[in-house]
Structures are given as structure tokens and as C-alpha cells.
Amino acid sequence: MNGVVALFTEVPTMTMQNIYNVGYVVLIANALVAFMLNVSVVFLVCPKLNNFEPCVLIRARLERHRHSS
């Protein structure tokens, strides 16, 4: 949804100078924060990680559900 709105409102007027004004450090820091937010959501959604394997319990339930369907 945000991408569609930005496509029509911001992208037509955006130039490389806008990106240079923000700076690469800020853009990379933003990407790292977004990545760490995604990692934190995994830890919140699946608190019983076993040796950092992603959501073992949820994966097992999905497999049982697939076989029963």
C-alpha cells in the first residue's frame, strides 16, 4: 500500500541528489534497523526457539496440518 502511494506521489520527483542528501550511512542504518526489527518479531512470535532454529514448533504444526489436509 505504501509503495503504491509513493509510486505516484514521491517517485516522480525523486532524484539521486535526494539520496545523496540523506547519505549512505543513514540508508544502511535504516536497513539494519529494519532487519533487526524483523529478527525481534521472530523471537516474539516464537519464543521457544531450539538452538536458534526458526520456529520448530510452528513448522511441526504446519507439517501435521499439510498431511491431514
C-alpha atoms as a PDB file:
ATOM      1  CA  MET A   1       0.000   0.000   0.000  1.00  0.00           C
ATOM      2  CA  ASN A   2       2.755   2.454   0.931  1.00  0.00           C
ATOM      3  CA  GLY A   3       4.668   1.506  -2.191  1.00  0.00           C
ATOM      4  CA  VAL A   4       1.703   2.267  -4.437  1.00  0.00           C
ATOM      5  CA  VAL A   5       1.153   5.671  -2.823  1.00  0.00           C
ATOM      6  CA  ALA A   6       4.867   6.501  -3.016  1.00  0.00           C
ATOM      7  CA  LEU A   7       4.970   5.412  -6.647  1.00  0.00           C
ATOM      8  CA  PHE A   8       2.544   8.154  -7.605  1.00  0.00           C
ATOM      9  CA  THR A   9       3.431  10.880  -5.084  1.00  0.00           C
ATOM     10  CA  GLU A  10       7.176  10.700  -4.403  1.00  0.00           C
ATOM     11  CA  VAL A  11       8.946   8.703  -7.099  1.00  0.00           C
ATOM     12  CA  PRO A  12       8.215  11.131  -9.982  1.00  0.00           C
ATOM     13  CA  THR A  13      10.016  13.971  -8.168  1.00  0.00           C
ATOM     14  CA  MET A  14      12.813  11.897  -6.600  1.00  0.00           C
ATOM     15  CA  THR A  15      16.358  12.409  -7.860  1.00  0.00           C
ATOM     16  CA  MET A  16      19.723  10.920  -6.973  1.00  0.00           C
ATOM     17  CA  GLN A  17      20.541  14.203  -5.262  1.00  0.00           C
ATOM     18  CA  ASN A  18      17.837  13.403  -2.688  1.00  0.00           C
ATOM     19  CA  ILE A  19      19.574  10.113  -1.924  1.00  0.00           C
ATOM     20  CA  TYR A  20      22.981  11.820  -1.698  1.00  0.00           C
ATOM     21  CA  ASN A  21      21.499  14.402   0.693  1.00  0.00           C
ATOM     22  CA  VAL A  22      20.254  11.674   3.027  1.00  0.00           C
ATOM     23  CA  GLY A  23      23.547   9.824   2.872  1.00  0.00           C
ATOM     24  CA  TYR A  24      24.504   6.206   2.527  1.00  0.00           C
ATOM     25  CA  VAL A  25      25.183   5.785   6.242  1.00  0.00           C
ATOM     26  CA  VAL A  26      21.617   6.744   7.132  1.00  0.00           C
ATOM     27  CA  LEU A  27      20.178   4.409   4.479  1.00  0.00           C
ATOM     28  CA  ILE A  28      22.328   1.480   5.640  1.00  0.00           C
ATOM     29  CA  ALA A  29      21.472   2.193   9.290  1.00  0.00           C
ATOM     30  CA  ASN A  30      17.782   2.211   8.359  1.00  0.00           C
ATOM     31  CA  ALA A  31      18.145  -1.137   6.592  1.00  0.00           C
ATOM     32  CA  LEU A  32      19.915  -2.634   9.622  1.00  0.00           C
ATOM     33  CA  VAL A  33      17.221  -1.383  11.999  1.00  0.00           C
ATOM     34  CA  ALA A  34      14.512  -2.851   9.763  1.00  0.00           C
ATOM     35  CA  PHE A  35      16.345  -6.179   9.647  1.00  0.00           C
ATOM     36  CA  MET A  36      16.770  -6.281  13.427  1.00  0.00           C
ATOM     37  CA  LEU A  37      13.082  -5.454  13.844  1.00  0.00           C
ATOM     38  CA  ASN A  38      12.228  -8.484  11.711  1.00  0.00           C
ATOM     39  CA  VAL A  39      14.556 -10.641  13.810  1.00  0.00           C
ATOM     40  CA  SER A  40      12.921  -9.385  17.020  1.00  0.00           C
ATOM     41  CA  VAL A  41       9.481 -10.292  15.642  1.00  0.00           C
ATOM     42  CA  VAL A  42      10.671 -13.865  15.098  1.00  0.00           C
ATOM     43  CA  PHE A  43      11.781 -14.015  18.726  1.00  0.00           C
ATOM     44  CA  LEU A  44       8.480 -12.581  19.933  1.00  0.00           C
ATOM     45  CA  VAL A  45       6.278 -14.827  17.804  1.00  0.00           C
ATOM     46  CA  CYS A  46       8.205 -17.997  18.515  1.00  0.00           C
ATOM     47  CA  PRO A  47       9.750 -17.731  21.992  1.00  0.00           C
ATOM     48  CA  LYS A  48      10.654 -21.421  22.264  1.00  0.00           C
ATOM     49  CA  LEU A  49      13.456 -21.480  19.712  1.00  0.00           C
ATOM     50  CA  ASN A  50      15.602 -24.577  19.950  1.00  0.00           C
ATOM     51  CA  ASN A  51      19.236 -23.699  19.233  1.00  0.00           C
ATOM     52  CA  PHE A  52      18.066 -20.714  17.185  1.00  0.00           C
ATOM     53  CA  GLU A  53      16.237 -22.918  14.699  1.00  0.00           C
ATOM     54  CA  PRO A  54      13.335 -20.832  13.397  1.00  0.00           C
ATOM     55  CA  CYS A  55      10.029 -21.809  14.890  1.00  0.00           C
ATOM     56  CA  VAL A  56      10.435 -25.555  15.211  1.00  0.00           C
ATOM     57  CA  LEU A  57       7.046 -25.972  16.888  1.00  0.00           C
ATOM     58  CA  ILE A  58       5.203 -23.943  14.268  1.00  0.00           C
ATOM     59  CA  ARG A  59       6.908 -25.856  11.479  1.00  0.00           C
ATOM     60  CA  ALA A  60       5.843 -29.174  13.031  1.00  0.00           C
ATOM     61  CA  ARG A  61       2.237 -27.999  13.271  1.00  0.00           C
ATOM     62  CA  LEU A  62       2.269 -26.877   9.654  1.00  0.00           C
ATOM     63  CA  GLU A  63       3.604 -30.260   8.553  1.00  0.00           C
ATOM     64  CA  ARG A  64       0.867 -32.077  10.520  1.00  0.00           C
ATOM     65  CA  HIS A  65      -1.736 -29.778   9.004  1.00  0.00           C
ATOM     66  CA  ARG A  66      -0.461 -30.420   5.465  1.00  0.00           C
ATOM     67  CA  HIS A  67      -0.576 -34.178   5.942  1.00  0.00           C
ATOM     68  CA  SER A  68      -4.073 -34.099   7.409  1.00  0.00           C
ATOM     69  CA  SER A  69      -5.480 -31.949   4.569  1.00  0.00           C
END
